[in-house]
Amino acid sequence: DYEADGGGVTLDLWMPEAWERFKTTRLGRLFWRSRCARRSEVPVAGARAEIYGGRAGDCRGEPDRWLATVHYADVVVAVNMPYGTMSADTPGSGPYNSREGMEAVVKGLTRR
C-alpha cells in the first residue's frame, strides 16, 4: 500500500502463472472480464500495461472504479485490485481513481 495526502494505491505482485489461474476464479472474472469493463493498453518500457475502467452496480455512465495490470516477463503487478467480491462492486476513490491516475501509476513503476 502506498498512501499520500489525498489518497494512494495498492500494488500486488503475482507470478504470471498464478495470475492466469486467478483470472479464472470468481473474483478474477468479476472485474477484469466484466461486460462493463473498458480495457485499454498503455505502452510501458519492458512491459505490457492494461488499464481497466468499470462501473459499480451497472454499466450505464462513465467508469467509477479504475485499476491496472502491468505484465513483465517474470511478474504481474496488479494496481488497486479488489480483495473481495463486495469490494469489486464498490466505486473507487482518491486521485488515482481515473484513467489518468492509473496511467501515471503504471508509467511510474520502476523495477528494482
PDB file of N, CA and C in Angstrom:
ATOM      1  N   ASP A   1       0.844  -1.185   0.000  1.00  0.00           N
ATOM      2  CA  ASP A   1       0.000   0.000   0.000  1.00  0.00           C
ATOM      3  C   ASP A   1       0.881   1.237   0.000  1.00  0.00           C
ATOM      4  N   TYR A   2       0.550   2.188  -0.835  1.00  0.00           N
ATOM      5  CA  TYR A   2       1.258   3.455  -0.899  1.00  0.00           C
ATOM      6  C   TYR A   2       0.248   4.563  -0.670  1.00  0.00           C
ATOM      7  N   GLU A   3       0.392   5.276   0.435  1.00  0.00           N
ATOM      8  CA  GLU A   3      -0.535   6.338   0.807  1.00  0.00           C
ATOM      9  C   GLU A   3       0.177   7.681   0.810  1.00  0.00           C
ATOM     10  N   ALA A   4      -0.545   8.711   0.411  1.00  0.00           N
ATOM     11  CA  ALA A   4      -0.056  10.084   0.471  1.00  0.00           C
ATOM     12  C   ALA A   4      -1.254  10.962   0.796  1.00  0.00           C
ATOM     13  N   ASP A   5      -1.018  12.221   0.995  1.00  0.00           N
ATOM     14  CA  ASP A   5      -2.129  13.133   1.257  1.00  0.00           C
ATOM     15  C   ASP A   5      -3.137  13.046   0.119  1.00  0.00           C
ATOM     16  N   GLY A   6      -4.363  12.745   0.463  1.00  0.00           N
ATOM     17  CA  GLY A   6      -5.413  12.715  -0.545  1.00  0.00           C
ATOM     18  C   GLY A   6      -5.645  11.376  -1.202  1.00  0.00           C
ATOM     19  N   GLY A   7      -4.887  10.343  -0.879  1.00  0.00           N
ATOM     20  CA  GLY A   7      -5.159   9.041  -1.466  1.00  0.00           C
ATOM     21  C   GLY A   7      -3.916   8.216  -1.667  1.00  0.00           C
ATOM     22  N   GLY A   8      -4.096   7.073  -2.281  1.00  0.00           N
ATOM     23  CA  GLY A   8      -2.976   6.177  -2.512  1.00  0.00           C
ATOM     24  C   GLY A   8      -3.351   5.064  -3.466  1.00  0.00           C
ATOM     25  N   VAL A   9      -2.466   4.098  -3.584  1.00  0.00           N
ATOM     26  CA  VAL A   9      -2.686   2.940  -4.443  1.00  0.00           C
ATOM     27  C   VAL A   9      -2.185   1.687  -3.742  1.00  0.00           C
ATOM     28  N   THR A  10      -2.675   0.554  -4.184  1.00  0.00           N
ATOM     29  CA  THR A  10      -2.142  -0.727  -3.735  1.00  0.00           C
ATOM     30  C   THR A  10      -1.493  -1.406  -4.923  1.00  0.00           C
ATOM     31  N   LEU A  11      -0.376  -2.070  -4.669  1.00  0.00           N
ATOM     32  CA  LEU A  11       0.312  -2.856  -5.691  1.00  0.00           C
ATOM     33  C   LEU A  11       0.407  -4.284  -5.186  1.00  0.00           C
ATOM     34  N   ASP A  12      -0.018  -5.218  -5.993  1.00  0.00           N
ATOM     35  CA  ASP A  12       0.098  -6.640  -5.671  1.00  0.00           C
ATOM     36  C   ASP A  12       0.947  -7.296  -6.741  1.00  0.00           C
ATOM     37  N   LEU A  13       1.902  -8.109  -6.313  1.00  0.00           N
ATOM     38  CA  LEU A  13       2.801  -8.795  -7.242  1.00  0.00           C
ATOM     39  C   LEU A  13       2.382 -10.244  -7.379  1.00  0.00           C
ATOM     40  N   TRP A  14       2.303 -10.717  -8.611  1.00  0.00           N
ATOM     41  CA  TRP A  14       1.884 -12.078  -8.917  1.00  0.00           C
ATOM     42  C   TRP A  14       2.905 -12.731  -9.845  1.00  0.00           C
ATOM     43  N   MET A  15       3.128 -14.001  -9.657  1.00  0.00           N
ATOM     44  CA  MET A  15       3.846 -14.784 -10.661  1.00  0.00           C
ATOM     45  C   MET A  15       2.890 -14.908 -11.849  1.00  0.00           C
ATOM     46  N   PRO A  16       3.377 -14.826 -13.083  1.00  0.00           N
ATOM     47  CA  PRO A  16       2.475 -14.862 -14.243  1.00  0.00           C
ATOM     48  C   PRO A  16       1.536 -16.074 -14.265  1.00  0.00           C
ATOM     49  N   GLU A  17       2.024 -17.248 -13.896  1.00  0.00           N
ATOM     50  CA  GLU A  17       1.176 -18.445 -13.907  1.00  0.00           C
ATOM     51  C   GLU A  17       0.067 -18.333 -12.871  1.00  0.00           C
ATOM     52  N   ALA A  18       0.386 -17.803 -11.700  1.00  0.00           N
ATOM     53  CA  ALA A  18      -0.616 -17.629 -10.641  1.00  0.00           C
ATOM     54  C   ALA A  18      -1.656 -16.592 -11.060  1.00  0.00           C
ATOM     55  N   TRP A  19      -1.224 -15.541 -11.742  1.00  0.00           N
ATOM     56  CA  TRP A  19      -2.158 -14.521 -12.224  1.00  0.00           C
ATOM     57  C   TRP A  19      -3.138 -15.130 -13.222  1.00  0.00           C
ATOM     58  N   GLU A  20      -2.639 -15.940 -14.127  1.00  0.00           N
ATOM     59  CA  GLU A  20      -3.527 -16.587 -15.105  1.00  0.00           C
ATOM     60  C   GLU A  20      -4.553 -17.475 -14.407  1.00  0.00           C
ATOM     61  N   ARG A  21      -4.134 -18.193 -13.374  1.00  0.00           N
ATOM     62  CA  ARG A  21      -5.085 -19.017 -12.599  1.00  0.00           C
ATOM     63  C   ARG A  21      -6.093 -18.135 -11.871  1.00  0.00           C
ATOM     64  N   PHE A  22      -5.614 -17.042 -11.263  1.00  0.00           N
ATOM     65  CA  PHE A  22      -6.502 -16.135 -10.536  1.00  0.00           C
ATOM     66  C   PHE A  22      -7.600 -15.592 -11.443  1.00  0.00           C
ATOM     67  N   LYS A  23      -7.261 -15.250 -12.684  1.00  0.00           N
ATOM     68  CA  LYS A  23      -8.249 -14.676 -13.597  1.00  0.00           C
ATOM     69  C   LYS A  23      -9.405 -15.629 -13.899  1.00  0.00           C
ATOM     70  N   THR A  24      -9.241 -16.922 -13.616  1.00  0.00           N
ATOM     71  CA  THR A  24     -10.325 -17.876 -13.855  1.00  0.00           C
ATOM     72  C   THR A  24     -11.231 -18.025 -12.634  1.00  0.00           C
ATOM     73  N   THR A  25     -10.867 -17.423 -11.496  1.00  0.00           N
ATOM     74  CA  THR A  25     -11.687 -17.510 -10.287  1.00  0.00           C
ATOM     75  C   THR A  25     -12.848 -16.519 -10.378  1.00  0.00           C
ATOM     76  N   ARG A  26     -13.793 -16.662  -9.475  1.00  0.00           N
ATOM     77  CA  ARG A  26     -14.945 -15.755  -9.456  1.00  0.00           C
ATOM     78  C   ARG A  26     -14.492 -14.296  -9.312  1.00  0.00           C
ATOM     79  N   LEU A  27     -13.603 -14.031  -8.372  1.00  0.00           N
ATOM     80  CA  LEU A  27     -13.121 -12.664  -8.179  1.00  0.00           C
ATOM     81  C   LEU A  27     -12.334 -12.181  -9.399  1.00  0.00           C
ATOM     82  N   GLY A  28     -11.528 -13.044  -9.977  1.00  0.00           N
ATOM     83  CA  GLY A  28     -10.748 -12.668 -11.148  1.00  0.00           C
ATOM     84  C   GLY A  28     -11.608 -12.337 -12.354  1.00  0.00           C
ATOM     85  N   ARG A  29     -12.739 -13.000 -12.480  1.00  0.00           N
ATOM     86  CA  ARG A  29     -13.654 -12.727 -13.591  1.00  0.00           C
ATOM     87  C   ARG A  29     -14.556 -11.530 -13.310  1.00  0.00           C
ATOM     88  N   LEU A  30     -14.784 -11.241 -12.035  1.00  0.00           N
ATOM     89  CA  LEU A  30     -15.759 -10.232 -11.652  1.00  0.00           C
ATOM     90  C   LEU A  30     -15.466  -8.861 -12.237  1.00  0.00           C
ATOM     91  N   PHE A  31     -14.224  -8.466 -12.237  1.00  0.00           N
ATOM     92  CA  PHE A  31     -13.902  -7.134 -12.757  1.00  0.00           C
ATOM     93  C   PHE A  31     -13.218  -7.207 -14.108  1.00  0.00           C
ATOM     94  N   TRP A  32     -12.158  -7.978 -14.195  1.00  0.00           N
ATOM     95  CA  TRP A  32     -11.344  -7.977 -15.411  1.00  0.00           C
ATOM     96  C   TRP A  32     -12.089  -8.500 -16.631  1.00  0.00           C
ATOM     97  N   ARG A  33     -13.019  -9.378 -16.424  1.00  0.00           N
ATOM     98  CA  ARG A  33     -13.768  -9.932 -17.568  1.00  0.00           C
ATOM     99  C   ARG A  33     -15.224  -9.496 -17.566  1.00  0.00           C
ATOM    100  N   SER A  34     -15.534  -8.479 -16.791  1.00  0.00           N
ATOM    101  CA  SER A  34     -16.890  -7.961 -16.726  1.00  0.00           C
ATOM    102  C   SER A  34     -17.300  -7.394 -18.072  1.00  0.00           C
ATOM    103  N   ARG A  35     -18.558  -7.528 -18.411  1.00  0.00           N
ATOM    104  CA  ARG A  35     -19.048  -6.950 -19.667  1.00  0.00           C
ATOM    105  C   ARG A  35     -19.014  -5.429 -19.613  1.00  0.00           C
ATOM    106  N   CYS A  36     -18.929  -4.856 -18.408  1.00  0.00           N
ATOM    107  CA  CYS A  36     -18.891  -3.396 -18.246  1.00  0.00           C
ATOM    108  C   CYS A  36     -17.471  -2.834 -18.300  1.00  0.00           C
ATOM    109  N   ALA A  37     -16.468  -3.681 -18.145  1.00  0.00           N
ATOM    110  CA  ALA A  37     -15.090  -3.188 -18.056  1.00  0.00           C
ATOM    111  C   ALA A  37     -14.617  -2.649 -19.399  1.00  0.00           C
ATOM    112  N   ARG A  38     -13.978  -1.505 -19.342  1.00  0.00           N
ATOM    113  CA  ARG A  38     -13.340  -0.919 -20.520  1.00  0.00           C
ATOM    114  C   ARG A  38     -11.837  -1.126 -20.364  1.00  0.00           C
ATOM    115  N   ARG A  39     -11.231  -1.736 -21.356  1.00  0.00           N
ATOM    116  CA  ARG A  39      -9.808  -2.065 -21.285  1.00  0.00           C
ATOM    117  C   ARG A  39      -9.058  -1.282 -22.340  1.00  0.00           C
ATOM    118  N   SER A  40      -7.893  -0.751 -21.957  1.00  0.00           N
ATOM    119  CA  SER A  40      -7.023  -0.112 -22.933  1.00  0.00           C
ATOM    120  C   SER A  40      -5.580  -0.436 -22.566  1.00  0.00           C
ATOM    121  N   GLU A  41      -4.739  -0.496 -23.581  1.00  0.00           N
ATOM    122  CA  GLU A  41      -3.327  -0.776 -23.356  1.00  0.00           C
ATOM    123  C   GLU A  41      -2.541   0.526 -23.349  1.00  0.00           C
ATOM    124  N   VAL A  42      -1.514   0.545 -22.508  1.00  0.00           N
ATOM    125  CA  VAL A  42      -0.647   1.714 -22.378  1.00  0.00           C
ATOM    126  C   VAL A  42       0.783   1.238 -22.593  1.00  0.00           C
ATOM    127  N   PRO A  43       1.546   1.896 -23.462  1.00  0.00           N
ATOM    128  CA  PRO A  43       2.937   1.472 -23.648  1.00  0.00           C
ATOM    129  C   PRO A  43       3.783   1.785 -22.417  1.00  0.00           C
ATOM    130  N   VAL A  44       4.532   0.788 -21.960  1.00  0.00           N
ATOM    131  CA  VAL A  44       5.449   0.949 -20.831  1.00  0.00           C
ATOM    132  C   VAL A  44       6.733   0.227 -21.200  1.00  0.00           C
ATOM    133  N   ALA A  45       7.853   0.785 -20.830  1.00  0.00           N
ATOM    134  CA  ALA A  45       9.147   0.177 -21.149  1.00  0.00           C
ATOM    135  C   ALA A  45       9.266  -1.203 -20.515  1.00  0.00           C
ATOM    136  N   GLY A  46       9.514  -2.206 -21.337  1.00  0.00           N
ATOM    137  CA  GLY A  46       9.767  -3.555 -20.854  1.00  0.00           C
ATOM    138  C   GLY A  46       8.564  -4.324 -20.366  1.00  0.00           C
ATOM    139  N   ALA A  47       7.350  -3.821 -20.637  1.00  0.00           N
ATOM    140  CA  ALA A  47       6.155  -4.500 -20.133  1.00  0.00           C
ATOM    141  C   ALA A  47       4.951  -4.167 -21.010  1.00  0.00           C
ATOM    142  N   ARG A  48       3.861  -4.845 -20.697  1.00  0.00           N
ATOM    143  CA  ARG A  48       2.567  -4.554 -21.327  1.00  0.00           C
ATOM    144  C   ARG A  48       1.629  -4.128 -20.206  1.00  0.00           C
ATOM    145  N   ALA A  49       1.093  -2.932 -20.299  1.00  0.00           N
ATOM    146  CA  ALA A  49       0.191  -2.422 -19.261  1.00  0.00           C
ATOM    147  C   ALA A  49      -1.228  -2.342 -19.798  1.00  0.00           C
ATOM    148  N   GLU A  50      -2.170  -2.732 -18.960  1.00  0.00           N
ATOM    149  CA  GLU A  50      -3.586  -2.664 -19.299  1.00  0.00           C
ATOM    150  C   GLU A  50      -4.294  -1.864 -18.215  1.00  0.00           C
ATOM    151  N   ILE A  51      -5.108  -0.913 -18.629  1.00  0.00           N
ATOM    152  CA  ILE A  51      -5.904  -0.119 -17.698  1.00  0.00           C
ATOM    153  C   ILE A  51      -7.361  -0.499 -17.897  1.00  0.00           C
ATOM    154  N   TYR A  52      -8.048  -0.707 -16.789  1.00  0.00           N
ATOM    155  CA  TYR A  52      -9.448  -1.102 -16.813  1.00  0.00           C
ATOM    156  C   TYR A  52     -10.282  -0.077 -16.073  1.00  0.00           C
ATOM    157  N   GLY A  53     -11.374   0.322 -16.681  1.00  0.00           N
ATOM    158  CA  GLY A  53     -12.355   1.171 -16.023  1.00  0.00           C
ATOM    159  C   GLY A  53     -13.650   0.394 -15.937  1.00  0.00           C
ATOM    160  N   GLY A  54     -14.267   0.399 -14.793  1.00  0.00           N
ATOM    161  CA  GLY A  54     -15.516  -0.330 -14.604  1.00  0.00           C
ATOM    162  C   GLY A  54     -16.518   0.528 -13.853  1.00  0.00           C
ATOM    163  N   ARG A  55     -17.706   0.030 -13.778  1.00  0.00           N
ATOM    164  CA  ARG A  55     -18.794   0.766 -13.137  1.00  0.00           C
ATOM    165  C   ARG A  55     -19.422  -0.116 -12.069  1.00  0.00           C
ATOM    166  N   ALA A  56     -19.516   0.393 -10.862  1.00  0.00           N
ATOM    167  CA  ALA A  56     -20.169  -0.333  -9.774  1.00  0.00           C
ATOM    168  C   ALA A  56     -21.678  -0.337 -10.010  1.00  0.00           C
ATOM    169  N   GLY A  57     -22.286  -1.501  -9.871  1.00  0.00           N
ATOM    170  CA  GLY A  57     -23.733  -1.596  -9.978  1.00  0.00           C
ATOM    171  C   GLY A  57     -24.243  -1.935 -11.361  1.00  0.00           C
ATOM    172  N   ASP A  58     -24.017  -1.063 -12.327  1.00  0.00           N
ATOM    173  CA  ASP A  58     -24.494  -1.335 -13.684  1.00  0.00           C
ATOM    174  C   ASP A  58     -23.505  -0.740 -14.685  1.00  0.00           C
ATOM    175  N   CYS A  59     -23.823  -0.876 -15.960  1.00  0.00           N
ATOM    176  CA  CYS A  59     -22.881  -0.445 -16.994  1.00  0.00           C
ATOM    177  C   CYS A  59     -23.175   0.945 -17.533  1.00  0.00           C
ATOM    178  N   ARG A  60     -24.171   1.627 -16.992  1.00  0.00           N
ATOM    179  CA  ARG A  60     -24.518   2.954 -17.511  1.00  0.00           C
ATOM    180  C   ARG A  60     -23.577   4.010 -16.935  1.00  0.00           C
ATOM    181  N   GLY A  61     -23.164   4.922 -17.771  1.00  0.00           N
ATOM    182  CA  GLY A  61     -22.333   6.029 -17.322  1.00  0.00           C
ATOM    183  C   GLY A  61     -20.852   5.732 -17.439  1.00  0.00           C
ATOM    184  N   GLU A  62     -20.088   6.701 -17.010  1.00  0.00           N
ATOM    185  CA  GLU A  62     -18.632   6.590 -17.050  1.00  0.00           C
ATOM    186  C   GLU A  62     -18.130   5.667 -15.946  1.00  0.00           C
ATOM    187  N   PRO A  63     -16.974   5.047 -16.145  1.00  0.00           N
ATOM    188  CA  PRO A  63     -16.412   4.191 -15.093  1.00  0.00           C
ATOM    189  C   PRO A  63     -16.220   4.962 -13.784  1.00  0.00           C
ATOM    190  N   ASP A  64     -16.447   4.263 -12.664  1.00  0.00           N
ATOM    191  CA  ASP A  64     -16.235   4.880 -11.360  1.00  0.00           C
ATOM    192  C   ASP A  64     -15.226   4.094 -10.522  1.00  0.00           C
ATOM    193  N   ARG A  65     -14.590   3.114 -11.143  1.00  0.00           N
ATOM    194  CA  ARG A  65     -13.519   2.371 -10.486  1.00  0.00           C
ATOM    195  C   ARG A  65     -12.473   2.038 -11.538  1.00  0.00           C
ATOM    196  N   TRP A  66     -11.209   2.322 -11.207  1.00  0.00           N
ATOM    197  CA  TRP A  66     -10.119   2.117 -12.156  1.00  0.00           C
ATOM    198  C   TRP A  66      -9.048   1.252 -11.522  1.00  0.00           C
ATOM    199  N   LEU A  67      -8.500   0.352 -12.319  1.00  0.00           N
ATOM    200  CA  LEU A  67      -7.372  -0.465 -11.882  1.00  0.00           C
ATOM    201  C   LEU A  67      -6.529  -0.801 -13.086  1.00  0.00           C
ATOM    202  N   ALA A  68      -5.388  -1.424 -12.840  1.00  0.00           N
ATOM    203  CA  ALA A  68      -4.468  -1.711 -13.939  1.00  0.00           C
ATOM    204  C   ALA A  68      -3.683  -2.972 -13.644  1.00  0.00           C
ATOM    205  N   THR A  69      -3.147  -3.571 -14.701  1.00  0.00           N
ATOM    206  CA  THR A  69      -2.182  -4.653 -14.575  1.00  0.00           C
ATOM    207  C   THR A  69      -1.000  -4.319 -15.479  1.00  0.00           C
ATOM    208  N   VAL A  70       0.181  -4.637 -14.983  1.00  0.00           N
ATOM    209  CA  VAL A  70       1.398  -4.430 -15.759  1.00  0.00           C
ATOM    210  C   VAL A  70       2.086  -5.784 -15.842  1.00  0.00           C
ATOM    211  N   HIS A  71       2.263  -6.282 -17.062  1.00  0.00           N
ATOM    212  CA  HIS A  71       2.775  -7.623 -17.309  1.00  0.00           C
ATOM    213  C   HIS A  71       4.230  -7.559 -17.750  1.00  0.00           C
ATOM    214  N   TYR A  72       5.133  -7.885 -16.819  1.00  0.00           N
ATOM    215  CA  TYR A  72       6.546  -8.048 -17.134  1.00  0.00           C
ATOM    216  C   TYR A  72       6.771  -9.527 -17.420  1.00  0.00           C
ATOM    217  N   ALA A  73       7.928  -9.900 -17.896  1.00  0.00           N
ATOM    218  CA  ALA A  73       8.216 -11.303 -18.223  1.00  0.00           C
ATOM    219  C   ALA A  73       8.089 -12.211 -17.000  1.00  0.00           C
ATOM    220  N   ASP A  74       8.504 -11.724 -15.829  1.00  0.00           N
ATOM    221  CA  ASP A  74       8.547 -12.600 -14.653  1.00  0.00           C
ATOM    222  C   ASP A  74       7.621 -12.189 -13.518  1.00  0.00           C
ATOM    223  N   VAL A  75       6.832 -11.133 -13.697  1.00  0.00           N
ATOM    224  CA  VAL A  75       5.920 -10.702 -12.636  1.00  0.00           C
ATOM    225  C   VAL A  75       4.776  -9.888 -13.246  1.00  0.00           C
ATOM    226  N   VAL A  76       3.603 -10.007 -12.627  1.00  0.00           N
ATOM    227  CA  VAL A  76       2.452  -9.181 -12.986  1.00  0.00           C
ATOM    228  C   VAL A  76       2.178  -8.277 -11.790  1.00  0.00           C
ATOM    229  N   VAL A  77       2.063  -6.988 -12.051  1.00  0.00           N
ATOM    230  CA  VAL A  77       1.733  -6.025 -10.998  1.00  0.00           C
ATOM    231  C   VAL A  77       0.264  -5.649 -11.171  1.00  0.00           C
ATOM    232  N   ALA A  78      -0.543  -5.912 -10.147  1.00  0.00           N
ATOM    233  CA  ALA A  78      -1.951  -5.520 -10.152  1.00  0.00           C
ATOM    234  C   ALA A  78      -2.080  -4.248  -9.317  1.00  0.00           C
ATOM    235  N   VAL A  79      -2.649  -3.219  -9.906  1.00  0.00           N
ATOM    236  CA  VAL A  79      -2.794  -1.924  -9.242  1.00  0.00           C
ATOM    237  C   VAL A  79      -4.253  -1.732  -8.833  1.00  0.00           C
ATOM    238  N   ASN A  80      -4.467  -1.553  -7.538  1.00  0.00           N
ATOM    239  CA  ASN A  80      -5.794  -1.304  -6.956  1.00  0.00           C
ATOM    240  C   ASN A  80      -6.783  -2.444  -7.182  1.00  0.00           C
ATOM    241  N   MET A  81      -6.291  -3.666  -7.165  1.00  0.00           N
ATOM    242  CA  MET A  81      -7.198  -4.795  -7.372  1.00  0.00           C
ATOM    243  C   MET A  81      -8.161  -4.948  -6.194  1.00  0.00           C
ATOM    244  N   PRO A  82      -9.381  -5.390  -6.437  1.00  0.00           N
ATOM    245  CA  PRO A  82     -10.318  -5.649  -5.342  1.00  0.00           C
ATOM    246  C   PRO A  82      -9.897  -6.906  -4.586  1.00  0.00           C
ATOM    247  N   TYR A  83     -10.151  -6.907  -3.271  1.00  0.00           N
ATOM    248  CA  TYR A  83      -9.757  -8.050  -2.443  1.00  0.00           C
ATOM    249  C   TYR A  83     -10.919  -8.952  -2.076  1.00  0.00           C
ATOM    250  N   GLY A  84     -12.084  -8.659  -2.572  1.00  0.00           N
ATOM    251  CA  GLY A  84     -13.250  -9.496  -2.313  1.00  0.00           C
ATOM    252  C   GLY A  84     -14.358  -9.139  -3.281  1.00  0.00           C
ATOM    253  N   THR A  85     -15.358 -10.004  -3.378  1.00  0.00           N
ATOM    254  CA  THR A  85     -16.414  -9.774  -4.353  1.00  0.00           C
ATOM    255  C   THR A  85     -17.220  -8.517  -4.049  1.00  0.00           C
ATOM    256  N   MET A  86     -17.373  -8.169  -2.773  1.00  0.00           N
ATOM    257  CA  MET A  86     -18.109  -6.947  -2.438  1.00  0.00           C
ATOM    258  C   MET A  86     -17.305  -5.703  -2.834  1.00  0.00           C
ATOM    259  N   SER A  87     -16.006  -5.718  -2.622  1.00  0.00           N
ATOM    260  CA  SER A  87     -15.200  -4.541  -2.955  1.00  0.00           C
ATOM    261  C   SER A  87     -15.049  -4.356  -4.460  1.00  0.00           C
ATOM    262  N   ALA A  88     -15.238  -5.405  -5.232  1.00  0.00           N
ATOM    263  CA  ALA A  88     -15.143  -5.282  -6.690  1.00  0.00           C
ATOM    264  C   ALA A  88     -16.297  -4.463  -7.248  1.00  0.00           C
ATOM    265  N   ASP A  89     -17.392  -4.386  -6.503  1.00  0.00           N
ATOM    266  CA  ASP A  89     -18.572  -3.650  -6.963  1.00  0.00           C
ATOM    267  C   ASP A  89     -18.740  -2.335  -6.208  1.00  0.00           C
ATOM    268  N   THR A  90     -17.635  -1.817  -5.671  1.00  0.00           N
ATOM    269  CA  THR A  90     -17.654  -0.557  -4.924  1.00  0.00           C
ATOM    270  C   THR A  90     -16.898   0.494  -5.720  1.00  0.00           C
ATOM    271  N   PRO A  91     -17.483   1.689  -5.857  1.00  0.00           N
ATOM    272  CA  PRO A  91     -16.747   2.737  -6.576  1.00  0.00           C
ATOM    273  C   PRO A  91     -15.407   3.025  -5.903  1.00  0.00           C
ATOM    274  N   GLY A  92     -14.417   3.360  -6.701  1.00  0.00           N
ATOM    275  CA  GLY A  92     -13.117   3.724  -6.165  1.00  0.00           C
ATOM    276  C   GLY A  92     -13.130   5.159  -5.671  1.00  0.00           C
ATOM    277  N   SER A  93     -12.024   5.572  -5.059  1.00  0.00           N
ATOM    278  CA  SER A  93     -11.921   6.944  -4.587  1.00  0.00           C
ATOM    279  C   SER A  93     -10.460   7.382  -4.654  1.00  0.00           C
ATOM    280  N   GLY A  94     -10.238   8.656  -4.483  1.00  0.00           N
ATOM    281  CA  GLY A  94      -8.885   9.182  -4.459  1.00  0.00           C
ATOM    282  C   GLY A  94      -8.421   9.671  -5.809  1.00  0.00           C
ATOM    283  N   PRO A  95      -7.288  10.360  -5.817  1.00  0.00           N
ATOM    284  CA  PRO A  95      -6.791  10.987  -7.041  1.00  0.00           C
ATOM    285  C   PRO A  95      -6.326   9.997  -8.110  1.00  0.00           C
ATOM    286  N   TYR A  96      -6.057   8.756  -7.743  1.00  0.00           N
ATOM    287  CA  TYR A  96      -5.604   7.784  -8.739  1.00  0.00           C
ATOM    288  C   TYR A  96      -6.753   6.990  -9.332  1.00  0.00           C
ATOM    289  N   ASN A  97      -7.961   7.244  -8.883  1.00  0.00           N
ATOM    290  CA  ASN A  97      -9.124   6.531  -9.389  1.00  0.00           C
ATOM    291  C   ASN A  97      -9.657   7.219 -10.650  1.00  0.00           C
ATOM    292  N   SER A  98      -8.833   7.171 -11.696  1.00  0.00           N
ATOM    293  CA  SER A  98      -9.190   7.721 -13.001  1.00  0.00           C
ATOM    294  C   SER A  98      -8.261   7.083 -14.026  1.00  0.00           C
ATOM    295  N   ARG A  99      -8.612   7.218 -15.265  1.00  0.00           N
ATOM    296  CA  ARG A  99      -7.725   6.699 -16.309  1.00  0.00           C
ATOM    297  C   ARG A  99      -6.368   7.400 -16.224  1.00  0.00           C
ATOM    298  N   GLU A 100      -6.378   8.692 -16.048  1.00  0.00           N
ATOM    299  CA  GLU A 100      -5.131   9.450 -15.971  1.00  0.00           C
ATOM    300  C   GLU A 100      -4.307   9.024 -14.757  1.00  0.00           C
ATOM    301  N   GLY A 101      -4.985   8.786 -13.632  1.00  0.00           N
ATOM    302  CA  GLY A 101      -4.290   8.346 -12.426  1.00  0.00           C
ATOM    303  C   GLY A 101      -3.639   6.987 -12.600  1.00  0.00           C
ATOM    304  N   MET A 102      -4.362   6.042 -13.211  1.00  0.00           N
ATOM    305  CA  MET A 102      -3.795   4.709 -13.452  1.00  0.00           C
ATOM    306  C   MET A 102      -2.644   4.792 -14.434  1.00  0.00           C
ATOM    307  N   GLU A 103      -2.777   5.640 -15.439  1.00  0.00           N
ATOM    308  CA  GLU A 103      -1.691   5.794 -16.416  1.00  0.00           C
ATOM    309  C   GLU A 103      -0.432   6.335 -15.732  1.00  0.00           C
ATOM    310  N   ALA A 104      -0.592   7.290 -14.825  1.00  0.00           N
ATOM    311  CA  ALA A 104       0.551   7.836 -14.100  1.00  0.00           C
ATOM    312  C   ALA A 104       1.231   6.752 -13.253  1.00  0.00           C
ATOM    313  N   VAL A 105       0.415   5.905 -12.617  1.00  0.00           N
ATOM    314  CA  VAL A 105       0.985   4.842 -11.789  1.00  0.00           C
ATOM    315  C   VAL A 105       1.765   3.840 -12.636  1.00  0.00           C
ATOM    316  N   VAL A 106       1.155   3.322 -13.706  1.00  0.00           N
ATOM    317  CA  VAL A 106       1.851   2.292 -14.485  1.00  0.00           C
ATOM    318  C   VAL A 106       3.088   2.825 -15.173  1.00  0.00           C
ATOM    319  N   LYS A 107       3.067   4.080 -15.593  1.00  0.00           N
ATOM    320  CA  LYS A 107       4.251   4.654 -16.222  1.00  0.00           C
ATOM    321  C   LYS A 107       5.320   4.998 -15.186  1.00  0.00           C
ATOM    322  N   GLY A 108       4.921   5.148 -13.936  1.00  0.00           N
ATOM    323  CA  GLY A 108       5.881   5.481 -12.883  1.00  0.00           C
ATOM    324  C   GLY A 108       6.509   4.288 -12.186  1.00  0.00           C
ATOM    325  N   LEU A 109       6.065   3.071 -12.503  1.00  0.00           N
ATOM    326  CA  LEU A 109       6.650   1.883 -11.875  1.00  0.00           C
ATOM    327  C   LEU A 109       8.106   1.721 -12.296  1.00  0.00           C
ATOM    328  N   THR A 110       8.936   1.363 -11.345  1.00  0.00           N
ATOM    329  CA  THR A 110      10.343   1.127 -11.610  1.00  0.00           C
ATOM    330  C   THR A 110      10.735  -0.227 -11.031  1.00  0.00           C
ATOM    331  N   ARG A 111      11.304  -1.071 -11.835  1.00  0.00           N
ATOM    332  CA  ARG A 111      11.761  -2.377 -11.349  1.00  0.00           C
ATOM    333  C   ARG A 111      13.019  -2.200 -10.521  1.00  0.00           C
ATOM    334  N   ARG A 112      13.086  -2.941  -9.436  1.00  0.00           N
ATOM    335  CA  ARG A 112      14.293  -2.897  -8.567  1.00  0.00           C
ATOM    336  C   ARG A 112      14.999  -4.204  -8.591  1.00  0.00           C
TER     337      ARG A 112
END
